[in-house]
Amino acid sequence: MQALLEYFKVTSTLDLVWLAVGIFAQLMFSARFLIQWISSEKARKSVMPVAFWWFSIMGGLLLLAYGVYRGEPVIILGQAFGIIVYARNLWLIHAERRSALL
């Protein structure tokens, strides 16, 4: 177990907490594909449910926080751009729903 923690550069309780956050974030980010797949199978066509974008933005924000804590520029750059796209899609969905009510 100690060798595994050393491999993942876990040297403190805080590092261990952030490793758990990173793993949870990646699971959340990956779950969005399951949501999209299940929704598409039910509809028998390709669909993108709103939950896909919420899981994207929450997983992306958590992964960005993890990347910043760990000092991982690849994660930081990859997630920073994605978060903008996910937020924009949520904004467009919100605007479309709001205009449909008027």
Protein backbone atom coordinates (compact mmCIF):
# COMPACT_ATOMS: atom_id res chain seq x y z
CA MET A 1 0.00 0.00 0.00
CA GLN A 2 2.83 2.40 0.85
CA ALA A 3 4.43 1.84 -2.56
CA LEU A 4 1.10 2.63 -4.24
CA LEU A 5 0.76 5.88 -2.28
CA GLU A 6 4.34 6.81 -3.16
CA TYR A 7 3.66 6.08 -6.83
CA PHE A 8 0.73 8.52 -6.75
CA LYS A 9 2.88 11.06 -4.85
CA VAL A 10 0.66 10.94 -1.78
CA THR A 11 2.76 12.22 1.10
CA SER A 12 0.08 13.71 3.36
CA THR A 13 -3.54 13.35 4.35
CA LEU A 14 -4.32 16.37 2.17
CA ASP A 15 -2.73 14.63 -0.82
CA LEU A 16 -4.86 11.56 -0.11
CA VAL A 17 -8.04 13.68 0.06
CA TRP A 18 -7.17 15.34 -3.26
CA LEU A 19 -6.46 11.95 -4.82
CA ALA A 20 -9.95 10.84 -3.72
CA VAL A 21 -11.43 14.06 -5.17
CA GLY A 22 -9.58 13.43 -8.44
CA ILE A 23 -10.83 9.86 -8.69
CA PHE A 24 -14.41 10.94 -7.85
CA ALA A 25 -14.19 13.74 -10.41
CA GLN A 26 -13.02 11.37 -13.12
CA LEU A 27 -15.84 8.94 -12.30
CA MET A 28 -18.37 11.79 -12.49
CA PHE A 29 -16.90 13.02 -15.75
CA SER A 30 -17.00 9.49 -17.19
CA ALA A 31 -20.59 8.89 -16.00
CA ARG A 32 -21.79 11.51 -18.46
CA PHE A 33 -21.08 9.09 -21.31
CA LEU A 34 -23.25 6.44 -19.67
CA ILE A 35 -26.04 9.00 -19.28
CA GLN A 36 -25.78 9.96 -22.95
CA TRP A 37 -25.63 6.34 -24.09
CA ILE A 38 -28.65 5.25 -22.03
CA SER A 39 -30.67 8.28 -23.16
CA SER A 40 -29.83 7.60 -26.80
CA GLU A 41 -30.73 3.92 -26.48
CA LYS A 42 -34.09 4.80 -24.93
CA ALA A 43 -34.84 7.35 -27.66
CA ARG A 44 -33.40 5.08 -30.37
CA LYS A 45 -31.52 8.13 -31.71
CA SER A 46 -28.57 10.23 -30.61
CA VAL A 47 -29.61 12.62 -27.85
CA MET A 48 -27.71 14.85 -25.46
CA PRO A 49 -29.59 15.16 -22.15
CA VAL A 50 -29.08 18.21 -19.92
CA ALA A 51 -27.62 15.91 -17.25
CA PHE A 52 -24.72 15.23 -19.65
CA TRP A 53 -23.74 18.92 -19.48
CA TRP A 54 -24.19 19.12 -15.69
CA PHE A 55 -21.97 16.07 -15.18
CA SER A 56 -19.51 17.58 -17.66
CA ILE A 57 -19.26 20.90 -15.85
CA MET A 58 -19.14 19.42 -12.34
CA GLY A 59 -16.60 16.76 -13.28
CA GLY A 60 -14.61 19.35 -15.24
CA LEU A 61 -14.53 21.82 -12.34
CA LEU A 62 -13.45 19.12 -9.90
CA LEU A 63 -10.78 17.87 -12.31
CA LEU A 64 -9.58 21.45 -12.81
CA ALA A 65 -9.32 21.92 -9.03
CA TYR A 66 -7.42 18.62 -8.78
CA GLY A 67 -5.10 19.65 -11.62
CA VAL A 68 -4.39 23.00 -9.98
CA TYR A 69 -3.66 21.35 -6.63
CA ARG A 70 -1.37 18.76 -8.21
CA GLY A 71 0.27 21.31 -10.54
CA GLU A 72 -0.69 19.35 -13.67
CA PRO A 73 -0.68 21.76 -16.65
CA VAL A 74 -2.13 19.17 -19.05
CA ILE A 75 -5.20 18.68 -16.84
CA ILE A 76 -5.52 22.43 -16.21
CA LEU A 77 -5.45 23.32 -19.92
CA GLY A 78 -7.71 20.45 -20.95
CA GLN A 79 -10.39 21.17 -18.38
CA ALA A 80 -10.29 24.98 -18.52
CA PHE A 81 -11.38 25.06 -22.16
CA GLY A 82 -13.95 22.30 -21.72
CA ILE A 83 -15.64 24.10 -18.81
CA ILE A 84 -16.28 27.09 -21.08
CA VAL A 85 -17.95 24.84 -23.66
CA TYR A 86 -20.06 23.02 -21.05
CA ALA A 87 -21.18 26.28 -19.44
CA ARG A 88 -22.08 27.73 -22.85
CA ASN A 89 -24.21 24.69 -23.68
CA LEU A 90 -26.04 24.98 -20.36
CA TRP A 91 -26.60 28.69 -21.02
CA LEU A 92 -28.00 27.96 -24.49
CA ILE A 93 -30.35 25.31 -23.08
CA HIS A 94 -31.51 27.73 -20.37
CA ALA A 95 -32.06 30.53 -22.91
CA GLU A 96 -34.02 28.21 -25.22
CA ARG A 97 -36.27 27.04 -22.38
CA ARG A 98 -36.80 30.61 -21.18
CA SER A 99 -37.78 31.82 -24.66
CA ALA A 100 -40.16 28.86 -25.05
CA LEU A 101 -42.03 30.05 -21.95
CA LEU A 102 -42.55 33.55 -23.35
